[in-house]
Amino acid sequence: MDSTFKFLGFGASVMICSLMAGCSEGTDPVGTGGSTGTTGGNTSSTGGASAGGASSGPTKLFTFDIDEDGWELSDVKGMVPYTNLVEPPVEPIPTLAKVDTKDAGSDPNSGSLKITANFTFWNQSVAAEVAAPSDSNGVPIDFTGKTVTARIFIEPMGLSPFGFAEPKDAPGGVVFYMKSGTNFDWGQAAWFNATTYGSWFSVKFNAANLDPGSKKEFMASNVVRIGLSFSSGGGGPTHCPDSATAGFLGEPTATCPAWTAPLPTVIYIDSITVTPN
């Protein structure tokens, strides 16, 4: 079974299917988007207090102090024209690993999750995903009425060969998503323009304020997968107007020229926490 959602970033309208979910379609407002998904992975537990408790402060879900905490790259094929750089594999194949050299809190005893990916054109993505965590008592977390925050660092090479001083520059972006239940029903935050390179910034998934690209069946009380997708975007009307057309095949055209060189993108993820709204 497949789950379909719509990506609208800088004029690009793209549908992607992920495995093990029922097909549906959501429509995003301009500037929002979708991402690829995956299945499987290891169950992770939170550190510290129960995420379902009465505390109003953030609860740590993933800190990457020791290893990848169960996170893995998505290997789900995207529908044309969207390309997942992991499957079919695009050389050099993206990598994911825990590193000690970068930490959102500058803690020498901690670390972060590092993703490397070679973006070569518009409508490409790489996604990292994990099985939904349990609280410190082993109880699956109910994300209803909660906001999950992840800290992100993108090296200055970025997600796009163009700058990000203006929206027309198509900087690429991030989508924070979850999947729920046995049908892996899709829920997502709005597309987040990656306009900060070389320093840490936050992306959030507010379960009480989902993007229209989410399926109506998504249930924050029964989340089974959590993920982050990073995309080169669609290029928009300035750089790749063809990416918004139904016949676009994700390849260079006369009005959507090839990039002059690949982007060896480096992304770090750290300090994923959950907080009651």
C-alpha atoms as a PDB file:
ATOM      1  CA  MET A   1       0.000   0.000   0.000  1.00  0.00           C
ATOM      2  CA  ASP A   2       1.149   3.555  -0.711  1.00  0.00           C
ATOM      3  CA  SER A   3       0.735   6.952   0.926  1.00  0.00           C
ATOM      4  CA  THR A   4       0.687   9.931  -1.415  1.00  0.00           C
ATOM      5  CA  PHE A   5       1.124  13.562  -0.460  1.00  0.00           C
ATOM      6  CA  LYS A   6       1.747  16.762  -2.336  1.00  0.00           C
ATOM      7  CA  PHE A   7       4.831  18.963  -2.266  1.00  0.00           C
ATOM      8  CA  LEU A   8       4.523  22.642  -3.155  1.00  0.00           C
ATOM      9  CA  GLY A   9       7.793  24.492  -2.715  1.00  0.00           C
ATOM     10  CA  PHE A  10       8.683  27.512  -4.823  1.00  0.00           C
ATOM     11  CA  GLY A  11       6.211  26.588  -7.552  1.00  0.00           C
ATOM     12  CA  ALA A  12       6.936  22.878  -7.613  1.00  0.00           C
ATOM     13  CA  SER A  13       3.977  20.548  -7.165  1.00  0.00           C
ATOM     14  CA  VAL A  14       5.132  16.973  -6.659  1.00  0.00           C
ATOM     15  CA  MET A  15       3.553  13.800  -5.329  1.00  0.00           C
ATOM     16  CA  ILE A  16       5.543  11.091  -3.581  1.00  0.00           C
ATOM     17  CA  CYS A  17       4.544   7.643  -2.352  1.00  0.00           C
ATOM     18  CA  SER A  18       5.949   5.999   0.758  1.00  0.00           C
ATOM     19  CA  LEU A  19       5.648   2.322   1.571  1.00  0.00           C
ATOM     20  CA  MET A  20       3.164   0.618   3.875  1.00  0.00           C
ATOM     21  CA  ALA A  21       0.476   3.317   3.948  1.00  0.00           C
ATOM     22  CA  GLY A  22      -2.818   3.898   2.184  1.00  0.00           C
ATOM     23  CA  CYS A  23      -2.619   6.320  -0.770  1.00  0.00           C
ATOM     24  CA  SER A  24      -4.072   9.786  -0.235  1.00  0.00           C
ATOM     25  CA  GLU A  25      -3.329  13.279  -1.417  1.00  0.00           C
ATOM     26  CA  GLY A  26      -2.958  16.505   0.521  1.00  0.00           C
ATOM     27  CA  THR A  27      -2.583  20.029  -0.845  1.00  0.00           C
ATOM     28  CA  ASP A  28      -0.070  22.405   0.699  1.00  0.00           C
ATOM     29  CA  PRO A  29      -0.181  26.195   0.575  1.00  0.00           C
ATOM     30  CA  VAL A  30       2.683  27.861  -1.270  1.00  0.00           C
ATOM     31  CA  GLY A  31       5.910  27.477   0.652  1.00  0.00           C
ATOM     32  CA  THR A  32       5.020  24.188   2.336  1.00  0.00           C
ATOM     33  CA  GLY A  33       6.020  20.725   1.299  1.00  0.00           C
ATOM     34  CA  GLY A  34       6.269  16.999   1.812  1.00  0.00           C
ATOM     35  CA  SER A  35       9.034  14.428   2.073  1.00  0.00           C
ATOM     36  CA  THR A  36       9.861  10.803   1.643  1.00  0.00           C
ATOM     37  CA  GLY A  37       9.260   8.175   4.309  1.00  0.00           C
ATOM     38  CA  THR A  38      10.573   4.786   5.292  1.00  0.00           C
ATOM     39  CA  THR A  39       9.586   1.778   7.328  1.00  0.00           C
ATOM     40  CA  GLY A  40      11.337  -0.336   9.897  1.00  0.00           C
ATOM     41  CA  GLY A  41      14.008   0.816  12.301  1.00  0.00           C
ATOM     42  CA  ASN A  42      14.640   0.386  15.974  1.00  0.00           C
ATOM     43  CA  THR A  43      12.460   1.626  18.788  1.00  0.00           C
ATOM     44  CA  SER A  44      14.114   4.317  20.860  1.00  0.00           C
ATOM     45  CA  SER A  45      13.408   5.455  24.404  1.00  0.00           C
ATOM     46  CA  THR A  46      13.544   8.951  25.788  1.00  0.00           C
ATOM     47  CA  GLY A  47      15.905  10.040  28.486  1.00  0.00           C
ATOM     48  CA  GLY A  48      14.694  11.925  31.535  1.00  0.00           C
ATOM     49  CA  ALA A  49      11.097  12.532  32.563  1.00  0.00           C
ATOM     50  CA  SER A  50       8.018  11.010  30.994  1.00  0.00           C
ATOM     51  CA  ALA A  51       6.786  12.935  27.966  1.00  0.00           C
ATOM     52  CA  GLY A  52       3.250  12.315  29.131  1.00  0.00           C
ATOM     53  CA  GLY A  53       3.814  13.795  32.583  1.00  0.00           C
ATOM     54  CA  ALA A  54       2.755  17.106  34.045  1.00  0.00           C
ATOM     55  CA  SER A  55       6.095  18.856  33.501  1.00  0.00           C
ATOM     56  CA  SER A  56       5.818  21.974  31.334  1.00  0.00           C
ATOM     57  CA  GLY A  57       9.462  21.871  30.264  1.00  0.00           C
ATOM     58  CA  PRO A  58      10.952  20.020  27.298  1.00  0.00           C
ATOM     59  CA  THR A  59      11.638  16.302  27.489  1.00  0.00           C
ATOM     60  CA  LYS A  60      14.617  14.949  25.577  1.00  0.00           C
ATOM     61  CA  LEU A  61      13.738  12.389  22.913  1.00  0.00           C
ATOM     62  CA  PHE A  62      17.028  12.037  21.019  1.00  0.00           C
ATOM     63  CA  THR A  63      20.406  13.511  21.961  1.00  0.00           C
ATOM     64  CA  PHE A  64      22.791  11.315  19.926  1.00  0.00           C
ATOM     65  CA  ASP A  65      25.209  11.120  22.845  1.00  0.00           C
ATOM     66  CA  ILE A  66      26.236   7.520  22.122  1.00  0.00           C
ATOM     67  CA  ASP A  67      25.004   6.431  18.678  1.00  0.00           C
ATOM     68  CA  GLU A  68      22.365   7.095  15.990  1.00  0.00           C
ATOM     69  CA  ASP A  69      19.506   6.375  18.446  1.00  0.00           C
ATOM     70  CA  GLY A  70      17.838   4.172  15.822  1.00  0.00           C
ATOM     71  CA  TRP A  71      17.687   6.827  13.078  1.00  0.00           C
ATOM     72  CA  GLU A  72      18.259   5.686   9.492  1.00  0.00           C
ATOM     73  CA  LEU A  73      18.008   7.083   5.978  1.00  0.00           C
ATOM     74  CA  SER A  74      14.830   6.526   4.007  1.00  0.00           C
ATOM     75  CA  ASP A  75      15.192   4.057   1.150  1.00  0.00           C
ATOM     76  CA  VAL A  76      11.702   4.626  -0.277  1.00  0.00           C
ATOM     77  CA  LYS A  77      11.522   5.569  -3.948  1.00  0.00           C
ATOM     78  CA  GLY A  78       9.879   8.898  -4.699  1.00  0.00           C
ATOM     79  CA  MET A  79       7.347   9.297  -7.482  1.00  0.00           C
ATOM     80  CA  VAL A  80       8.499  11.077 -10.645  1.00  0.00           C
ATOM     81  CA  PRO A  81       9.727  13.793 -10.759  1.00  0.00           C
ATOM     82  CA  TYR A  82      10.833  13.682  -7.110  1.00  0.00           C
ATOM     83  CA  THR A  83      14.080  11.800  -6.483  1.00  0.00           C
ATOM     84  CA  ASN A  84      15.151  10.203  -3.220  1.00  0.00           C
ATOM     85  CA  LEU A  85      18.952  10.245  -3.397  1.00  0.00           C
ATOM     86  CA  VAL A  86      19.083   6.973  -1.446  1.00  0.00           C
ATOM     87  CA  GLU A  87      16.843   4.874  -3.724  1.00  0.00           C
ATOM     88  CA  PRO A  88      17.521   4.575  -6.546  1.00  0.00           C
ATOM     89  CA  PRO A  89      21.043   5.243  -5.284  1.00  0.00           C
ATOM     90  CA  VAL A  90      22.763   8.368  -6.573  1.00  0.00           C
ATOM     91  CA  GLU A  91      26.549   8.238  -6.276  1.00  0.00           C
ATOM     92  CA  PRO A  92      27.996   9.120  -3.894  1.00  0.00           C
ATOM     93  CA  ILE A  93      25.232   7.478  -1.871  1.00  0.00           C
ATOM     94  CA  PRO A  94      24.065   9.592   1.107  1.00  0.00           C
ATOM     95  CA  THR A  95      25.333   8.585   4.539  1.00  0.00           C
ATOM     96  CA  LEU A  96      24.090   8.905   8.116  1.00  0.00           C
ATOM     97  CA  ALA A  97      26.206   8.527  11.232  1.00  0.00           C
ATOM     98  CA  LYS A  98      26.643   9.766  14.790  1.00  0.00           C
ATOM     99  CA  VAL A  99      29.518  12.242  15.136  1.00  0.00           C
ATOM    100  CA  ASP A 100      31.250  13.753  18.169  1.00  0.00           C
ATOM    101  CA  THR A 101      32.559  16.860  16.418  1.00  0.00           C
ATOM    102  CA  LYS A 102      29.286  18.841  16.285  1.00  0.00           C
ATOM    103  CA  ASP A 103      26.778  19.426  19.091  1.00  0.00           C
ATOM    104  CA  ALA A 104      23.915  21.928  19.350  1.00  0.00           C
ATOM    105  CA  GLY A 105      24.861  22.685  22.941  1.00  0.00           C
ATOM    106  CA  SER A 106      28.629  22.656  22.349  1.00  0.00           C
ATOM    107  CA  ASP A 107      28.903  19.718  24.745  1.00  0.00           C
ATOM    108  CA  PRO A 108      32.213  17.883  24.242  1.00  0.00           C
ATOM    109  CA  ASN A 109      30.661  14.725  25.732  1.00  0.00           C
ATOM    110  CA  SER A 110      27.699  14.673  23.351  1.00  0.00           C
ATOM    111  CA  GLY A 111      27.363  14.804  19.570  1.00  0.00           C
ATOM    112  CA  SER A 112      24.835  14.857  16.750  1.00  0.00           C
ATOM    113  CA  LEU A 113      23.510  12.969  13.743  1.00  0.00           C
ATOM    114  CA  LYS A 114      25.360  13.779  10.507  1.00  0.00           C
ATOM    115  CA  ILE A 115      23.862  13.357   7.027  1.00  0.00           C
ATOM    116  CA  THR A 116      25.879  13.768   3.849  1.00  0.00           C
ATOM    117  CA  ALA A 117      24.137  13.976   0.472  1.00  0.00           C
ATOM    118  CA  ASN A 118      25.182  15.032  -3.019  1.00  0.00           C
ATOM    119  CA  PHE A 119      22.379  17.205  -4.432  1.00  0.00           C
ATOM    120  CA  THR A 120      22.675  17.637  -8.201  1.00  0.00           C
ATOM    121  CA  PHE A 121      19.343  19.153  -9.313  1.00  0.00           C
ATOM    122  CA  TRP A 122      15.924  20.364  -8.203  1.00  0.00           C
ATOM    123  CA  ASN A 123      13.285  18.048  -6.720  1.00  0.00           C
ATOM    124  CA  GLN A 124      15.780  15.885  -4.850  1.00  0.00           C
ATOM    125  CA  SER A 125      15.576  14.876  -1.202  1.00  0.00           C
ATOM    126  CA  VAL A 126      17.169  12.878   1.565  1.00  0.00           C
ATOM    127  CA  ALA A 127      15.205  11.894   4.672  1.00  0.00           C
ATOM    128  CA  ALA A 128      16.127  10.469   8.073  1.00  0.00           C
ATOM    129  CA  GLU A 129      13.542   8.559  10.095  1.00  0.00           C
ATOM    130  CA  VAL A 130      13.143   6.612  13.327  1.00  0.00           C
ATOM    131  CA  ALA A 131      10.581   4.497  15.135  1.00  0.00           C
ATOM    132  CA  ALA A 132       8.528   6.630  17.520  1.00  0.00           C
ATOM    133  CA  PRO A 133      10.048   6.652  21.028  1.00  0.00           C
ATOM    134  CA  SER A 134       8.594   5.587  24.337  1.00  0.00           C
ATOM    135  CA  ASP A 135       8.856   7.579  27.546  1.00  0.00           C
ATOM    136  CA  SER A 136      11.200   6.661  30.412  1.00  0.00           C
ATOM    137  CA  ASN A 137       8.616   4.140  31.658  1.00  0.00           C
ATOM    138  CA  GLY A 138       8.399   2.359  28.306  1.00  0.00           C
ATOM    139  CA  VAL A 139       4.989   3.824  27.426  1.00  0.00           C
ATOM    140  CA  PRO A 140       4.509   5.026  23.801  1.00  0.00           C
ATOM    141  CA  ILE A 141       4.393   8.810  23.728  1.00  0.00           C
ATOM    142  CA  ASP A 142       1.082  10.517  22.987  1.00  0.00           C
ATOM    143  CA  PHE A 143       2.004  13.618  20.976  1.00  0.00           C
ATOM    144  CA  THR A 144      -1.481  15.150  21.182  1.00  0.00           C
ATOM    145  CA  GLY A 145      -1.194  18.792  22.206  1.00  0.00           C
ATOM    146  CA  LYS A 146       2.607  18.687  22.065  1.00  0.00           C
ATOM    147  CA  THR A 147       5.336  20.257  19.963  1.00  0.00           C
ATOM    148  CA  VAL A 148       8.481  18.380  18.955  1.00  0.00           C
ATOM    149  CA  THR A 149      11.553  20.497  18.217  1.00  0.00           C
ATOM    150  CA  ALA A 150      14.727  19.472  16.397  1.00  0.00           C
ATOM    151  CA  ARG A 151      17.939  21.460  16.124  1.00  0.00           C
ATOM    152  CA  ILE A 152      19.413  21.575  12.612  1.00  0.00           C
ATOM    153  CA  PHE A 153      22.779  22.729  11.257  1.00  0.00           C
ATOM    154  CA  ILE A 154      23.427  22.925   7.497  1.00  0.00           C
ATOM    155  CA  GLU A 155      26.946  23.573   6.277  1.00  0.00           C
ATOM    156  CA  PRO A 156      27.273  26.699   4.072  1.00  0.00           C
ATOM    157  CA  MET A 157      27.252  24.658   0.850  1.00  0.00           C
ATOM    158  CA  GLY A 158      23.511  24.433   1.547  1.00  0.00           C
ATOM    159  CA  LEU A 159      20.683  22.712  -0.318  1.00  0.00           C
ATOM    160  CA  SER A 160      20.643  24.959  -3.383  1.00  0.00           C
ATOM    161  CA  PRO A 161      23.251  26.479  -5.712  1.00  0.00           C
ATOM    162  CA  PHE A 162      21.539  29.851  -5.250  1.00  0.00           C
ATOM    163  CA  GLY A 163      21.438  32.192  -2.286  1.00  0.00           C
ATOM    164  CA  PHE A 164      18.523  32.822   0.010  1.00  0.00           C
ATOM    165  CA  ALA A 165      18.293  36.609   0.283  1.00  0.00           C
ATOM    166  CA  GLU A 166      14.893  36.475  -1.403  1.00  0.00           C
ATOM    167  CA  PRO A 167      12.223  33.744  -1.769  1.00  0.00           C
ATOM    168  CA  LYS A 168      12.890  33.600  -5.511  1.00  0.00           C
ATOM    169  CA  ASP A 169      16.372  32.302  -4.754  1.00  0.00           C
ATOM    170  CA  ALA A 170      14.926  28.882  -3.848  1.00  0.00           C
ATOM    171  CA  PRO A 171      17.065  27.922  -0.836  1.00  0.00           C
ATOM    172  CA  GLY A 172      15.661  24.399  -0.387  1.00  0.00           C
ATOM    173  CA  GLY A 173      14.045  23.363   2.845  1.00  0.00           C
ATOM    174  CA  VAL A 174      13.093  20.974   5.625  1.00  0.00           C
ATOM    175  CA  VAL A 175       9.883  19.109   6.436  1.00  0.00           C
ATOM    176  CA  PHE A 176       9.318  17.619   9.911  1.00  0.00           C
ATOM    177  CA  TYR A 177       6.852  14.707   9.687  1.00  0.00           C
ATOM    178  CA  MET A 178       5.271  11.823  11.587  1.00  0.00           C
ATOM    179  CA  LYS A 179       3.296   8.715  10.603  1.00  0.00           C
ATOM    180  CA  SER A 180       0.649   7.056  12.718  1.00  0.00           C
ATOM    181  CA  GLY A 181      -1.129   3.729  13.112  1.00  0.00           C
ATOM    182  CA  THR A 182      -0.886   0.532  11.104  1.00  0.00           C
ATOM    183  CA  ASN A 183      -1.529   2.424   7.852  1.00  0.00           C
ATOM    184  CA  PHE A 184       1.323   4.855   8.517  1.00  0.00           C
ATOM    185  CA  ASP A 185      -0.992   7.832   8.044  1.00  0.00           C
ATOM    186  CA  TRP A 186       1.008  10.930   7.188  1.00  0.00           C
ATOM    187  CA  GLY A 187       1.227  14.103   9.295  1.00  0.00           C
ATOM    188  CA  GLN A 188       3.589  16.992   8.607  1.00  0.00           C
ATOM    189  CA  ALA A 189       4.625  20.453   9.676  1.00  0.00           C
ATOM    190  CA  ALA A 190       4.769  23.186   7.055  1.00  0.00           C
ATOM    191  CA  TRP A 191       7.702  23.396   4.681  1.00  0.00           C
ATOM    192  CA  PHE A 192      10.542  25.313   6.389  1.00  0.00           C
ATOM    193  CA  ASN A 193      12.830  27.354   4.124  1.00  0.00           C
ATOM    194  CA  ALA A 194      16.466  26.578   4.941  1.00  0.00           C
ATOM    195  CA  THR A 195      17.679  30.179   5.016  1.00  0.00           C
ATOM    196  CA  THR A 196      20.241  29.709   7.789  1.00  0.00           C
ATOM    197  CA  TYR A 197      23.548  28.077   6.932  1.00  0.00           C
ATOM    198  CA  GLY A 198      26.529  27.641   9.220  1.00  0.00           C
ATOM    199  CA  SER A 199      24.638  27.927  12.519  1.00  0.00           C
ATOM    200  CA  TRP A 200      22.037  25.963  14.468  1.00  0.00           C
ATOM    201  CA  PHE A 201      18.324  26.645  13.948  1.00  0.00           C
ATOM    202  CA  SER A 202      15.108  24.939  15.092  1.00  0.00           C
ATOM    203  CA  VAL A 203      12.334  23.186  13.179  1.00  0.00           C
ATOM    204  CA  LYS A 204       9.101  22.224  14.926  1.00  0.00           C
ATOM    205  CA  PHE A 205       6.258  19.727  14.582  1.00  0.00           C
ATOM    206  CA  ASN A 206       3.185  21.066  16.380  1.00  0.00           C
ATOM    207  CA  ALA A 207       0.648  18.246  16.542  1.00  0.00           C
ATOM    208  CA  ALA A 208      -2.123  20.804  17.088  1.00  0.00           C
ATOM    209  CA  ASN A 209      -1.260  22.760  13.933  1.00  0.00           C
ATOM    210  CA  LEU A 210      -0.612  20.365  11.062  1.00  0.00           C
ATOM    211  CA  ASP A 211       0.095  21.389   7.495  1.00  0.00           C
ATOM    212  CA  PRO A 212      -2.719  20.712   4.952  1.00  0.00           C
ATOM    213  CA  GLY A 213      -0.435  18.135   3.339  1.00  0.00           C
ATOM    214  CA  SER A 214      -1.267  15.823   6.259  1.00  0.00           C
ATOM    215  CA  LYS A 215      -3.813  13.017   5.993  1.00  0.00           C
ATOM    216  CA  LYS A 216      -7.008  13.538   7.945  1.00  0.00           C
ATOM    217  CA  GLU A 217      -6.508  10.055   9.421  1.00  0.00           C
ATOM    218  CA  PHE A 218      -3.244  11.036  11.112  1.00  0.00           C
ATOM    219  CA  MET A 219      -3.443  10.504  14.885  1.00  0.00           C
ATOM    220  CA  ALA A 220      -0.904  12.222  17.141  1.00  0.00           C
ATOM    221  CA  SER A 221      -1.884   9.776  19.886  1.00  0.00           C
ATOM    222  CA  ASN A 222      -0.598   6.800  17.903  1.00  0.00           C
ATOM    223  CA  VAL A 223       2.624   7.881  16.172  1.00  0.00           C
ATOM    224  CA  VAL A 224       4.817   5.066  14.866  1.00  0.00           C
ATOM    225  CA  ARG A 225       7.464   6.957  12.867  1.00  0.00           C
ATOM    226  CA  ILE A 226       9.165  10.358  13.129  1.00  0.00           C
ATOM    227  CA  GLY A 227      11.291  11.901  10.400  1.00  0.00           C
ATOM    228  CA  LEU A 228      12.951  14.920   8.829  1.00  0.00           C
ATOM    229  CA  SER A 229      13.248  15.442   5.078  1.00  0.00           C
ATOM    230  CA  PHE A 230      15.724  17.810   3.431  1.00  0.00           C
ATOM    231  CA  SER A 231      15.056  18.918  -0.136  1.00  0.00           C
ATOM    232  CA  SER A 232      16.559  21.028  -2.890  1.00  0.00           C
ATOM    233  CA  GLY A 233      13.016  22.232  -3.600  1.00  0.00           C
ATOM    234  CA  GLY A 234      11.508  22.945  -6.973  1.00  0.00           C
ATOM    235  CA  GLY A 235      13.539  25.933  -8.100  1.00  0.00           C
ATOM    236  CA  GLY A 236      10.464  28.126  -8.436  1.00  0.00           C
ATOM    237  CA  PRO A 237       9.512  30.285 -11.416  1.00  0.00           C
ATOM    238  CA  THR A 238      12.945  31.927 -11.488  1.00  0.00           C
ATOM    239  CA  HIS A 239      15.192  28.873 -11.689  1.00  0.00           C
ATOM    240  CA  CYS A 240      13.003  25.956 -12.801  1.00  0.00           C
ATOM    241  CA  PRO A 241       9.435  26.844 -13.852  1.00  0.00           C
ATOM    242  CA  ASP A 242       9.084  23.403 -15.442  1.00  0.00           C
ATOM    243  CA  SER A 243       9.114  21.728 -12.026  1.00  0.00           C
ATOM    244  CA  ALA A 244       5.563  22.981 -11.440  1.00  0.00           C
ATOM    245  CA  THR A 245       4.198  21.232 -14.543  1.00  0.00           C
ATOM    246  CA  ALA A 246       2.663  17.762 -14.643  1.00  0.00           C
ATOM    247  CA  GLY A 247       4.940  16.592 -17.458  1.00  0.00           C
ATOM    248  CA  PHE A 248       8.191  17.529 -15.782  1.00  0.00           C
ATOM    249  CA  LEU A 249      10.446  14.470 -15.456  1.00  0.00           C
ATOM    250  CA  GLY A 250      12.954  15.857 -13.006  1.00  0.00           C
ATOM    251  CA  GLU A 251      15.588  16.404 -15.659  1.00  0.00           C
ATOM    252  CA  PRO A 252      17.182  19.566 -17.100  1.00  0.00           C
ATOM    253  CA  THR A 253      15.297  21.371 -19.868  1.00  0.00           C
ATOM    254  CA  ALA A 254      15.803  24.565 -21.860  1.00  0.00           C
ATOM    255  CA  THR A 255      13.985  26.588 -19.204  1.00  0.00           C
ATOM    256  CA  CYS A 256      15.240  24.493 -16.287  1.00  0.00           C
ATOM    257  CA  PRO A 257      19.010  24.245 -16.835  1.00  0.00           C
ATOM    258  CA  ALA A 258      21.268  21.761 -15.122  1.00  0.00           C
ATOM    259  CA  TRP A 259      23.245  22.864 -12.085  1.00  0.00           C
ATOM    260  CA  THR A 260      26.823  23.751 -12.918  1.00  0.00           C
ATOM    261  CA  ALA A 261      28.160  21.476 -10.158  1.00  0.00           C
ATOM    262  CA  PRO A 262      26.874  19.056  -7.486  1.00  0.00           C
ATOM    263  CA  LEU A 263      26.349  20.259  -3.916  1.00  0.00           C
ATOM    264  CA  PRO A 264      28.124  18.059  -1.337  1.00  0.00           C
ATOM    265  CA  THR A 265      25.603  18.925   1.378  1.00  0.00           C
ATOM    266  CA  VAL A 266      26.295  18.241   5.067  1.00  0.00           C
ATOM    267  CA  ILE A 267      23.448  18.353   7.608  1.00  0.00           C
ATOM    268  CA  TYR A 268      23.477  17.815  11.380  1.00  0.00           C
ATOM    269  CA  ILE A 269      20.474  16.925  13.571  1.00  0.00           C
ATOM    270  CA  ASP A 270      20.552  17.218  17.362  1.00  0.00           C
ATOM    271  CA  SER A 271      18.592  17.794  20.576  1.00  0.00           C
ATOM    272  CA  ILE A 272      15.138  16.557  19.597  1.00  0.00           C
ATOM    273  CA  THR A 273      12.726  17.409  22.403  1.00  0.00           C
ATOM    274  CA  VAL A 274       8.970  17.368  23.099  1.00  0.00           C
ATOM    275  CA  THR A 275       7.109  20.086  24.986  1.00  0.00           C
ATOM    276  CA  PRO A 276       3.429  20.453  25.974  1.00  0.00           C
ATOM    277  CA  ASN A 277       1.770  23.308  24.063  1.00  0.00           C
END
